[in-house]
Amino acid sequence: MLTMKDVIREGHQTLRDVAKEVPLPASAEDKETLQSMIDFVQNSQNPEMAATYSLRPGIGLAAPQINVSKRMIAVHLTNQDDSLHSYALFNPKIVSHSVERTYLSGGEGCLSVDRDVPGYVPRYARITVTGTTLEGEQIKVRLKGLAAICFQHEIDHLNGVMFYDHINKDNPFTQPEDAAPLER
């Protein structure tokens, strides 16, 4: 079972590397890693499990965050419309996105960042993502709202990008152009 001890922190080189594609069909080891990632995210949102294992609550996790430089992400969240988005994907890729952008008015956080980083992180308001499930099924999902933001955050990790790289350095609270805030 993954715990916070398995999550590497900012400054670790793996977080800045571009992760490698996962050869498909996925190996038993890669499937086990991805399954443990989705389990971690779900456990972190369970107050009893989080307290027992000292887990910081999270809605997403990318393999580089557990020092595995492979293109795998796990996302588990409920969107504004109360729809559950629970995905464990190999080789996720954003294949299209909206012109409109959005950002979380309260900023973003990250399990690999142990400090508060104030500022707006511009993201696409809507995206379409392809990927391969644990069962080996190729899927295509259209996302908006918090789910779209979370997927972009996790896919950024696969490309060595941290959320704060997107924040305006001169004025962190400058409203991004063509962007409307997403209230959580």
N, C-alpha and C. Protein backbone atom coordinates (compact mmCIF):
# COMPACT_ATOMS: atom_id res chain seq x y z
N MET A 1 0.84 -1.19 0.00
CA MET A 1 0.00 0.00 0.00
C MET A 1 0.88 1.25 0.00
N LEU A 2 0.56 2.19 -0.87
CA LEU A 2 1.30 3.45 -0.93
C LEU A 2 0.90 4.35 0.24
N THR A 3 1.88 5.06 0.79
CA THR A 3 1.61 6.07 1.81
C THR A 3 2.37 7.34 1.41
N MET A 4 2.26 8.37 2.24
CA MET A 4 2.96 9.62 1.94
C MET A 4 4.48 9.43 1.89
N LYS A 5 4.99 8.40 2.55
CA LYS A 5 6.44 8.13 2.50
C LYS A 5 6.88 7.78 1.08
N ASP A 6 5.96 7.28 0.26
CA ASP A 6 6.27 6.90 -1.12
C ASP A 6 6.24 8.09 -2.09
N VAL A 7 5.66 9.20 -1.65
CA VAL A 7 5.51 10.38 -2.51
C VAL A 7 6.75 11.25 -2.41
N ILE A 8 7.43 11.43 -3.55
CA ILE A 8 8.63 12.28 -3.54
C ILE A 8 8.22 13.75 -3.55
N ARG A 9 9.11 14.61 -3.09
CA ARG A 9 8.78 16.03 -2.95
C ARG A 9 9.54 16.88 -3.96
N GLU A 10 9.02 18.11 -4.13
CA GLU A 10 9.62 19.04 -5.09
C GLU A 10 11.12 19.14 -4.84
N GLY A 11 11.87 19.27 -5.91
CA GLY A 11 13.33 19.29 -5.83
C GLY A 11 13.91 17.96 -6.28
N HIS A 12 13.09 16.89 -6.24
CA HIS A 12 13.54 15.58 -6.70
C HIS A 12 13.55 15.57 -8.23
N GLN A 13 14.63 15.11 -8.82
CA GLN A 13 14.80 15.17 -10.28
C GLN A 13 13.69 14.46 -11.06
N THR A 14 13.18 13.36 -10.55
CA THR A 14 12.14 12.60 -11.29
C THR A 14 10.93 13.49 -11.60
N LEU A 15 10.64 14.47 -10.74
CA LEU A 15 9.49 15.34 -10.98
C LEU A 15 9.72 16.28 -12.16
N ARG A 16 10.96 16.43 -12.60
CA ARG A 16 11.26 17.32 -13.73
C ARG A 16 11.59 16.56 -15.01
N ASP A 17 11.62 15.24 -14.93
CA ASP A 17 11.90 14.42 -16.11
C ASP A 17 10.62 14.18 -16.91
N VAL A 18 10.77 13.97 -18.21
CA VAL A 18 9.63 13.55 -19.04
C VAL A 18 9.51 12.04 -18.90
N ALA A 19 8.33 11.60 -18.44
CA ALA A 19 8.12 10.18 -18.19
C ALA A 19 8.02 9.40 -19.50
N LYS A 20 8.39 8.13 -19.43
CA LYS A 20 8.39 7.27 -20.62
C LYS A 20 7.02 6.62 -20.83
N GLU A 21 6.69 6.38 -22.10
CA GLU A 21 5.46 5.65 -22.44
C GLU A 21 5.49 4.28 -21.79
N VAL A 22 4.33 3.78 -21.40
CA VAL A 22 4.23 2.44 -20.85
C VAL A 22 3.97 1.48 -22.02
N PRO A 23 4.84 0.48 -22.22
CA PRO A 23 4.59 -0.50 -23.28
C PRO A 23 3.29 -1.25 -23.01
N LEU A 24 2.47 -1.36 -24.04
CA LEU A 24 1.18 -2.06 -23.89
C LEU A 24 1.18 -3.33 -24.71
N PRO A 25 0.52 -4.39 -24.28
CA PRO A 25 -0.21 -4.45 -23.01
C PRO A 25 0.73 -4.28 -21.82
N ALA A 26 0.17 -3.69 -20.78
CA ALA A 26 0.97 -3.36 -19.60
C ALA A 26 1.44 -4.62 -18.88
N SER A 27 2.63 -4.54 -18.32
CA SER A 27 3.19 -5.66 -17.55
C SER A 27 2.43 -5.78 -16.22
N ALA A 28 2.57 -6.91 -15.58
CA ALA A 28 1.94 -7.13 -14.26
C ALA A 28 2.45 -6.08 -13.27
N GLU A 29 3.75 -5.77 -13.36
CA GLU A 29 4.34 -4.78 -12.45
C GLU A 29 3.72 -3.39 -12.66
N ASP A 30 3.56 -2.98 -13.94
CA ASP A 30 2.96 -1.67 -14.22
C ASP A 30 1.49 -1.64 -13.78
N LYS A 31 0.78 -2.72 -13.98
CA LYS A 31 -0.62 -2.79 -13.54
C LYS A 31 -0.71 -2.67 -12.02
N GLU A 32 0.19 -3.35 -11.33
CA GLU A 32 0.21 -3.30 -9.87
C GLU A 32 0.51 -1.88 -9.38
N THR A 33 1.45 -1.21 -10.04
CA THR A 33 1.79 0.17 -9.67
C THR A 33 0.58 1.08 -9.85
N LEU A 34 -0.06 0.98 -11.02
CA LEU A 34 -1.21 1.85 -11.30
C LEU A 34 -2.36 1.54 -10.35
N GLN A 35 -2.61 0.29 -10.06
CA GLN A 35 -3.66 -0.08 -9.10
C GLN A 35 -3.36 0.52 -7.72
N SER A 36 -2.11 0.45 -7.30
CA SER A 36 -1.75 1.01 -5.99
C SER A 36 -1.91 2.53 -5.98
N MET A 37 -1.74 3.18 -7.14
CA MET A 37 -1.92 4.63 -7.23
C MET A 37 -3.39 5.01 -7.05
N ILE A 38 -4.30 4.32 -7.74
CA ILE A 38 -5.72 4.65 -7.60
C ILE A 38 -6.20 4.30 -6.19
N ASP A 39 -5.68 3.22 -5.63
CA ASP A 39 -6.03 2.87 -4.24
C ASP A 39 -5.59 3.98 -3.29
N PHE A 40 -4.37 4.51 -3.50
CA PHE A 40 -3.86 5.59 -2.66
C PHE A 40 -4.79 6.80 -2.69
N VAL A 41 -5.17 7.22 -3.92
CA VAL A 41 -6.02 8.42 -4.05
C VAL A 41 -7.36 8.18 -3.35
N GLN A 42 -7.96 7.01 -3.57
CA GLN A 42 -9.24 6.71 -2.92
C GLN A 42 -9.08 6.65 -1.39
N ASN A 43 -8.03 5.98 -0.92
CA ASN A 43 -7.79 5.89 0.52
C ASN A 43 -7.56 7.25 1.14
N SER A 44 -6.88 8.14 0.41
CA SER A 44 -6.56 9.47 0.95
C SER A 44 -7.82 10.30 1.19
N GLN A 45 -8.91 9.94 0.49
CA GLN A 45 -10.17 10.68 0.64
C GLN A 45 -11.09 10.04 1.69
N ASN A 46 -10.69 8.89 2.21
CA ASN A 46 -11.45 8.21 3.25
C ASN A 46 -10.90 8.69 4.60
N PRO A 47 -11.69 9.45 5.37
CA PRO A 47 -11.16 10.04 6.61
C PRO A 47 -10.52 9.02 7.55
N GLU A 48 -11.12 7.84 7.67
CA GLU A 48 -10.59 6.81 8.56
C GLU A 48 -9.23 6.29 8.06
N MET A 49 -9.17 5.96 6.77
CA MET A 49 -7.90 5.48 6.19
C MET A 49 -6.83 6.57 6.24
N ALA A 50 -7.23 7.80 5.90
CA ALA A 50 -6.28 8.91 5.89
C ALA A 50 -5.68 9.12 7.28
N ALA A 51 -6.52 9.03 8.31
CA ALA A 51 -6.04 9.21 9.68
C ALA A 51 -5.14 8.05 10.10
N THR A 52 -5.56 6.84 9.78
CA THR A 52 -4.80 5.64 10.17
C THR A 52 -3.41 5.64 9.55
N TYR A 53 -3.32 6.02 8.27
CA TYR A 53 -2.05 5.93 7.54
C TYR A 53 -1.39 7.29 7.29
N SER A 54 -1.88 8.35 7.94
CA SER A 54 -1.33 9.71 7.78
C SER A 54 -1.24 10.12 6.31
N LEU A 55 -2.34 9.97 5.60
CA LEU A 55 -2.39 10.33 4.18
C LEU A 55 -2.93 11.74 4.02
N ARG A 56 -2.27 12.53 3.18
CA ARG A 56 -2.81 13.84 2.81
C ARG A 56 -3.88 13.60 1.75
N PRO A 57 -5.06 14.20 1.89
CA PRO A 57 -6.09 13.98 0.88
C PRO A 57 -5.65 14.51 -0.48
N GLY A 58 -5.91 13.71 -1.51
CA GLY A 58 -5.57 14.10 -2.87
C GLY A 58 -6.64 13.61 -3.83
N ILE A 59 -6.72 14.26 -4.99
CA ILE A 59 -7.69 13.83 -6.01
C ILE A 59 -7.00 13.23 -7.22
N GLY A 60 -5.67 13.30 -7.24
CA GLY A 60 -4.93 12.73 -8.36
C GLY A 60 -3.50 12.43 -7.98
N LEU A 61 -2.90 11.51 -8.74
CA LEU A 61 -1.51 11.13 -8.50
C LEU A 61 -0.92 10.68 -9.83
N ALA A 62 0.30 11.12 -10.10
CA ALA A 62 1.01 10.70 -11.31
C ALA A 62 2.19 9.83 -10.89
N ALA A 63 2.53 8.83 -11.71
CA ALA A 63 3.61 7.90 -11.37
C ALA A 63 4.93 8.59 -11.01
N PRO A 64 5.32 9.69 -11.69
CA PRO A 64 6.57 10.34 -11.28
C PRO A 64 6.57 10.78 -9.81
N GLN A 65 5.40 11.02 -9.25
CA GLN A 65 5.31 11.44 -7.85
C GLN A 65 5.69 10.32 -6.88
N ILE A 66 5.67 9.08 -7.37
CA ILE A 66 6.13 7.97 -6.53
C ILE A 66 7.46 7.43 -7.08
N ASN A 67 8.16 8.32 -7.79
CA ASN A 67 9.49 8.05 -8.33
C ASN A 67 9.49 6.93 -9.37
N VAL A 68 8.41 6.86 -10.15
CA VAL A 68 8.30 5.93 -11.27
C VAL A 68 8.11 6.80 -12.51
N SER A 69 9.14 6.90 -13.33
CA SER A 69 9.09 7.80 -14.48
C SER A 69 8.41 7.14 -15.68
N LYS A 70 7.11 6.85 -15.50
CA LYS A 70 6.30 6.24 -16.54
C LYS A 70 4.98 7.00 -16.65
N ARG A 71 4.38 6.96 -17.82
CA ARG A 71 3.16 7.73 -18.10
C ARG A 71 1.93 7.01 -17.56
N MET A 72 1.68 7.21 -16.26
CA MET A 72 0.52 6.63 -15.58
C MET A 72 -0.05 7.68 -14.63
N ILE A 73 -1.38 7.79 -14.62
CA ILE A 73 -2.03 8.69 -13.67
C ILE A 73 -3.24 8.00 -13.05
N ALA A 74 -3.58 8.46 -11.85
CA ALA A 74 -4.79 8.01 -11.16
C ALA A 74 -5.54 9.26 -10.71
N VAL A 75 -6.84 9.30 -11.00
CA VAL A 75 -7.68 10.44 -10.65
C VAL A 75 -8.96 9.89 -10.02
N HIS A 76 -9.37 10.49 -8.91
CA HIS A 76 -10.62 10.08 -8.26
C HIS A 76 -11.22 11.33 -7.62
N LEU A 77 -12.31 11.83 -8.21
CA LEU A 77 -12.92 13.04 -7.70
C LEU A 77 -14.38 13.11 -8.12
N THR A 78 -15.11 13.95 -7.40
CA THR A 78 -16.50 14.24 -7.76
C THR A 78 -16.52 15.66 -8.30
N ASN A 79 -17.04 15.82 -9.51
CA ASN A 79 -17.09 17.11 -10.19
C ASN A 79 -18.23 17.97 -9.62
N GLN A 80 -18.31 19.21 -10.06
CA GLN A 80 -19.33 20.14 -9.58
C GLN A 80 -20.75 19.61 -9.80
N ASP A 81 -20.96 18.82 -10.85
CA ASP A 81 -22.30 18.29 -11.14
C ASP A 81 -22.53 16.96 -10.41
N ASP A 82 -21.69 16.66 -9.42
CA ASP A 82 -21.78 15.44 -8.61
C ASP A 82 -21.48 14.16 -9.38
N SER A 83 -20.85 14.28 -10.55
CA SER A 83 -20.47 13.07 -11.29
C SER A 83 -19.10 12.61 -10.80
N LEU A 84 -18.99 11.29 -10.60
CA LEU A 84 -17.73 10.71 -10.13
C LEU A 84 -16.81 10.46 -11.32
N HIS A 85 -15.57 10.89 -11.19
CA HIS A 85 -14.55 10.63 -12.21
C HIS A 85 -13.45 9.83 -11.53
N SER A 86 -13.40 8.55 -11.83
CA SER A 86 -12.40 7.68 -11.22
C SER A 86 -11.69 6.93 -12.34
N TYR A 87 -10.43 7.29 -12.56
CA TYR A 87 -9.66 6.73 -13.67
C TYR A 87 -8.26 6.36 -13.24
N ALA A 88 -7.79 5.23 -13.73
CA ALA A 88 -6.39 4.83 -13.61
C ALA A 88 -5.96 4.56 -15.06
N LEU A 89 -5.08 5.40 -15.60
CA LEU A 89 -4.77 5.33 -17.03
C LEU A 89 -3.28 5.20 -17.32
N PHE A 90 -3.00 4.38 -18.32
CA PHE A 90 -1.68 4.30 -18.91
C PHE A 90 -1.65 5.25 -20.10
N ASN A 91 -0.55 5.96 -20.29
CA ASN A 91 -0.30 6.81 -21.45
C ASN A 91 -1.44 7.78 -21.75
N PRO A 92 -1.92 8.52 -20.74
CA PRO A 92 -2.98 9.50 -21.00
C PRO A 92 -2.45 10.62 -21.88
N LYS A 93 -3.31 11.11 -22.74
CA LYS A 93 -2.89 12.18 -23.66
C LYS A 93 -4.07 13.12 -23.90
N ILE A 94 -3.81 14.42 -23.83
CA ILE A 94 -4.84 15.41 -24.16
C ILE A 94 -4.86 15.51 -25.69
N VAL A 95 -5.99 15.15 -26.30
CA VAL A 95 -6.07 15.14 -27.76
C VAL A 95 -6.80 16.37 -28.31
N SER A 96 -7.56 17.06 -27.46
CA SER A 96 -8.16 18.34 -27.86
C SER A 96 -8.51 19.12 -26.60
N HIS A 97 -8.64 20.44 -26.78
CA HIS A 97 -8.99 21.30 -25.65
C HIS A 97 -9.73 22.53 -26.14
N SER A 98 -10.44 23.16 -25.22
CA SER A 98 -11.20 24.37 -25.53
C SER A 98 -10.26 25.57 -25.67
N VAL A 99 -10.78 26.62 -26.29
CA VAL A 99 -10.06 27.89 -26.32
C VAL A 99 -10.21 28.54 -24.94
N GLU A 100 -11.41 28.43 -24.37
CA GLU A 100 -11.68 29.02 -23.06
C GLU A 100 -10.80 28.36 -22.00
N ARG A 101 -10.44 29.18 -21.06
CA ARG A 101 -9.62 28.65 -19.98
C ARG A 101 -10.32 28.91 -18.64
N THR A 102 -9.81 28.26 -17.61
CA THR A 102 -10.35 28.40 -16.27
C THR A 102 -9.21 28.29 -15.27
N TYR A 103 -9.52 28.49 -14.03
CA TYR A 103 -8.54 28.32 -12.96
C TYR A 103 -9.30 28.17 -11.66
N LEU A 104 -8.66 27.54 -10.69
CA LEU A 104 -9.26 27.43 -9.37
C LEU A 104 -9.01 28.72 -8.61
N SER A 105 -10.08 29.36 -8.14
CA SER A 105 -9.92 30.64 -7.46
C SER A 105 -9.08 30.51 -6.19
N GLY A 106 -9.05 29.31 -5.61
CA GLY A 106 -8.24 29.09 -4.41
C GLY A 106 -6.85 28.55 -4.72
N GLY A 107 -6.50 28.47 -6.01
CA GLY A 107 -5.20 27.94 -6.40
C GLY A 107 -5.19 26.42 -6.38
N GLU A 108 -4.05 25.84 -6.75
CA GLU A 108 -3.89 24.39 -6.78
C GLU A 108 -2.90 23.97 -5.71
N GLY A 109 -2.97 22.70 -5.35
CA GLY A 109 -2.03 22.11 -4.43
C GLY A 109 -1.50 20.83 -5.05
N CYS A 110 -0.56 20.21 -4.37
CA CYS A 110 0.07 19.01 -4.92
C CYS A 110 0.63 18.17 -3.79
N LEU A 111 0.44 16.86 -3.87
CA LEU A 111 0.96 15.97 -2.83
C LEU A 111 2.49 16.01 -2.76
N SER A 112 3.15 16.46 -3.84
CA SER A 112 4.62 16.55 -3.85
C SER A 112 5.13 17.92 -3.39
N VAL A 113 4.20 18.81 -3.05
CA VAL A 113 4.58 20.17 -2.64
C VAL A 113 4.05 20.40 -1.22
N ASP A 114 4.97 20.54 -0.27
CA ASP A 114 4.58 20.67 1.13
C ASP A 114 4.42 22.11 1.58
N ARG A 115 4.19 23.00 0.64
CA ARG A 115 4.03 24.41 1.00
C ARG A 115 2.86 24.97 0.21
N ASP A 116 2.33 26.07 0.70
CA ASP A 116 1.25 26.74 0.00
C ASP A 116 1.89 27.61 -1.09
N VAL A 117 1.42 27.46 -2.32
CA VAL A 117 1.93 28.28 -3.42
C VAL A 117 0.75 29.11 -3.95
N PRO A 118 0.67 30.37 -3.52
CA PRO A 118 -0.47 31.19 -3.94
C PRO A 118 -0.38 31.60 -5.40
N GLY A 119 -1.54 31.70 -6.03
CA GLY A 119 -1.60 32.17 -7.41
C GLY A 119 -2.56 31.36 -8.25
N TYR A 120 -2.95 31.96 -9.37
CA TYR A 120 -3.87 31.31 -10.30
C TYR A 120 -3.09 30.46 -11.30
N VAL A 121 -3.59 29.27 -11.55
CA VAL A 121 -2.97 28.34 -12.50
C VAL A 121 -3.93 28.21 -13.68
N PRO A 122 -3.62 28.87 -14.81
CA PRO A 122 -4.53 28.78 -15.96
C PRO A 122 -4.57 27.37 -16.55
N ARG A 123 -5.78 26.91 -16.83
CA ARG A 123 -5.99 25.59 -17.43
C ARG A 123 -7.06 25.71 -18.51
N TYR A 124 -7.11 24.73 -19.41
CA TYR A 124 -8.20 24.69 -20.38
C TYR A 124 -9.49 24.33 -19.66
N ALA A 125 -10.60 24.97 -20.05
CA ALA A 125 -11.88 24.71 -19.40
C ALA A 125 -12.42 23.32 -19.73
N ARG A 126 -12.16 22.85 -20.96
CA ARG A 126 -12.63 21.53 -21.38
C ARG A 126 -11.52 20.83 -22.15
N ILE A 127 -11.37 19.54 -21.90
CA ILE A 127 -10.36 18.75 -22.61
C ILE A 127 -10.94 17.39 -22.99
N THR A 128 -10.32 16.77 -23.97
CA THR A 128 -10.61 15.38 -24.30
C THR A 128 -9.31 14.61 -24.13
N VAL A 129 -9.39 13.51 -23.40
CA VAL A 129 -8.21 12.71 -23.05
C VAL A 129 -8.40 11.28 -23.54
N THR A 130 -7.33 10.72 -24.09
CA THR A 130 -7.34 9.29 -24.42
C THR A 130 -6.36 8.61 -23.47
N GLY A 131 -6.55 7.32 -23.29
CA GLY A 131 -5.66 6.54 -22.44
C GLY A 131 -6.09 5.10 -22.43
N THR A 132 -5.34 4.28 -21.72
CA THR A 132 -5.63 2.85 -21.62
C THR A 132 -5.86 2.50 -20.16
N THR A 133 -6.97 1.80 -19.89
CA THR A 133 -7.34 1.43 -18.53
C THR A 133 -6.51 0.24 -18.03
N LEU A 134 -6.67 -0.06 -16.76
CA LEU A 134 -6.02 -1.22 -16.16
C LEU A 134 -6.42 -2.51 -16.88
N GLU A 135 -7.64 -2.52 -17.42
CA GLU A 135 -8.15 -3.71 -18.13
C GLU A 135 -7.67 -3.77 -19.57
N GLY A 136 -6.91 -2.76 -20.01
CA GLY A 136 -6.38 -2.74 -21.37
C GLY A 136 -7.32 -2.12 -22.39
N GLU A 137 -8.38 -1.47 -21.91
CA GLU A 137 -9.34 -0.84 -22.81
C GLU A 137 -8.88 0.57 -23.17
N GLN A 138 -8.89 0.88 -24.49
CA GLN A 138 -8.59 2.24 -24.95
C GLN A 138 -9.84 3.09 -24.72
N ILE A 139 -9.69 4.21 -24.00
CA ILE A 139 -10.86 5.06 -23.77
C ILE A 139 -10.58 6.50 -24.20
N LYS A 140 -11.68 7.21 -24.41
CA LYS A 140 -11.62 8.63 -24.74
C LYS A 140 -12.66 9.31 -23.84
N VAL A 141 -12.24 10.27 -23.04
CA VAL A 141 -13.17 10.95 -22.14
C VAL A 141 -13.12 12.45 -22.35
N ARG A 142 -14.32 13.05 -22.30
CA ARG A 142 -14.43 14.51 -22.37
C ARG A 142 -14.62 15.01 -20.95
N LEU A 143 -13.83 16.01 -20.59
CA LEU A 143 -13.84 16.49 -19.20
C LEU A 143 -13.99 17.99 -19.15
N LYS A 144 -14.63 18.46 -18.08
CA LYS A 144 -14.72 19.89 -17.82
C LYS A 144 -14.65 20.10 -16.32
N GLY A 145 -14.57 21.34 -15.91
CA GLY A 145 -14.55 21.65 -14.50
C GLY A 145 -13.33 21.11 -13.78
N LEU A 146 -13.55 20.67 -12.53
CA LEU A 146 -12.45 20.20 -11.70
C LEU A 146 -11.76 18.98 -12.32
N ALA A 147 -12.53 18.10 -12.96
CA ALA A 147 -11.93 16.91 -13.58
C ALA A 147 -10.93 17.32 -14.66
N ALA A 148 -11.29 18.31 -15.49
CA ALA A 148 -10.37 18.77 -16.54
C ALA A 148 -9.11 19.37 -15.93
N ILE A 149 -9.28 20.15 -14.87
CA ILE A 149 -8.12 20.76 -14.20
C ILE A 149 -7.21 19.69 -13.62
N CYS A 150 -7.81 18.71 -12.94
CA CYS A 150 -7.02 17.65 -12.31
C CYS A 150 -6.25 16.84 -13.35
N PHE A 151 -6.90 16.47 -14.44
CA PHE A 151 -6.21 15.71 -15.49
C PHE A 151 -5.03 16.51 -16.05
N GLN A 152 -5.21 17.82 -16.28
CA GLN A 152 -4.11 18.63 -16.80
C GLN A 152 -2.96 18.70 -15.80
N HIS A 153 -3.29 18.80 -14.51
CA HIS A 153 -2.27 18.83 -13.46
C HIS A 153 -1.46 17.53 -13.47
N GLU A 154 -2.16 16.39 -13.54
CA GLU A 154 -1.47 15.09 -13.50
C GLU A 154 -0.67 14.84 -14.78
N ILE A 155 -1.24 15.18 -15.93
CA ILE A 155 -0.52 14.99 -17.20
C ILE A 155 0.71 15.90 -17.26
N ASP A 156 0.61 17.09 -16.66
CA ASP A 156 1.79 17.97 -16.54
C ASP A 156 2.93 17.23 -15.84
N HIS A 157 2.60 16.49 -14.76
CA HIS A 157 3.63 15.74 -14.04
C HIS A 157 4.37 14.78 -14.98
N LEU A 158 3.68 14.21 -15.94
CA LEU A 158 4.30 13.27 -16.87
C LEU A 158 5.29 13.97 -17.79
N ASN A 159 5.16 15.28 -17.89
CA ASN A 159 6.03 16.07 -18.75
C ASN A 159 7.03 16.92 -17.97
N GLY A 160 7.17 16.61 -16.68
CA GLY A 160 8.15 17.33 -15.85
C GLY A 160 7.74 18.73 -15.47
N VAL A 161 6.43 19.02 -15.53
CA VAL A 161 5.92 20.36 -15.25
C VAL A 161 5.18 20.36 -13.91
N MET A 162 5.49 21.32 -13.06
CA MET A 162 4.81 21.49 -11.78
C MET A 162 3.73 22.57 -11.94
N PHE A 163 2.68 22.50 -11.14
CA PHE A 163 1.56 23.45 -11.28
C PHE A 163 2.01 24.89 -11.16
N TYR A 164 2.97 25.15 -10.29
CA TYR A 164 3.39 26.54 -10.07
C TYR A 164 4.20 27.11 -11.23
N ASP A 165 4.61 26.26 -12.17
CA ASP A 165 5.29 26.75 -13.36
C ASP A 165 4.35 27.62 -14.20
N HIS A 166 3.04 27.42 -14.04
CA HIS A 166 2.04 28.16 -14.82
C HIS A 166 1.63 29.49 -14.17
N ILE A 167 2.02 29.70 -12.91
CA ILE A 167 1.60 30.91 -12.20
C ILE A 167 2.41 32.10 -12.68
N ASN A 168 1.73 33.23 -12.89
CA ASN A 168 2.39 34.48 -13.29
C ASN A 168 3.36 34.89 -12.18
N LYS A 169 4.65 34.91 -12.50
CA LYS A 169 5.68 35.17 -11.48
C LYS A 169 5.61 36.61 -10.95
N ASP A 170 5.27 37.56 -11.83
CA ASP A 170 5.24 38.97 -11.42
C ASP A 170 4.01 39.30 -10.58
N ASN A 171 2.87 38.72 -10.96
CA ASN A 171 1.64 38.97 -10.22
C ASN A 171 0.82 37.69 -10.19
N PRO A 172 1.01 36.86 -9.15
CA PRO A 172 0.38 35.54 -9.10
C PRO A 172 -1.15 35.55 -9.19
N PHE A 173 -1.76 36.71 -8.84
CA PHE A 173 -3.22 36.76 -8.86
C PHE A 173 -3.77 37.56 -10.04
N THR A 174 -2.98 37.67 -11.11
CA THR A 174 -3.48 38.26 -12.34
C THR A 174 -4.44 37.25 -12.95
N GLN A 175 -5.67 37.73 -13.25
CA GLN A 175 -6.63 36.81 -13.86
C GLN A 175 -6.13 36.44 -15.25
N PRO A 176 -5.97 35.12 -15.52
CA PRO A 176 -5.51 34.70 -16.84
C PRO A 176 -6.48 35.15 -17.93
N GLU A 177 -5.93 35.50 -19.10
CA GLU A 177 -6.77 35.93 -20.22
C GLU A 177 -7.71 34.81 -20.66
N ASP A 178 -8.88 35.20 -21.12
CA ASP A 178 -9.88 34.24 -21.61
C ASP A 178 -10.19 33.16 -20.58
N ALA A 179 -10.16 33.52 -19.29
CA ALA A 179 -10.38 32.51 -18.25
C ALA A 179 -11.42 32.98 -17.24
N ALA A 180 -12.28 32.04 -16.85
CA ALA A 180 -13.26 32.29 -15.80
C ALA A 180 -12.91 31.41 -14.60
N PRO A 181 -13.04 31.94 -13.39
CA PRO A 181 -12.68 31.13 -12.22
C PRO A 181 -13.65 29.97 -12.03
N LEU A 182 -13.13 28.87 -11.54
CA LEU A 182 -13.95 27.72 -11.17
C LEU A 182 -14.00 27.70 -9.66
N GLU A 183 -15.17 27.89 -9.11
CA GLU A 183 -15.32 27.88 -7.64
C GLU A 183 -15.43 26.45 -7.20
N ARG A 184 -14.78 26.13 -6.09
CA ARG A 184 -14.86 24.75 -5.56
C ARG A 184 -15.73 24.69 -4.35
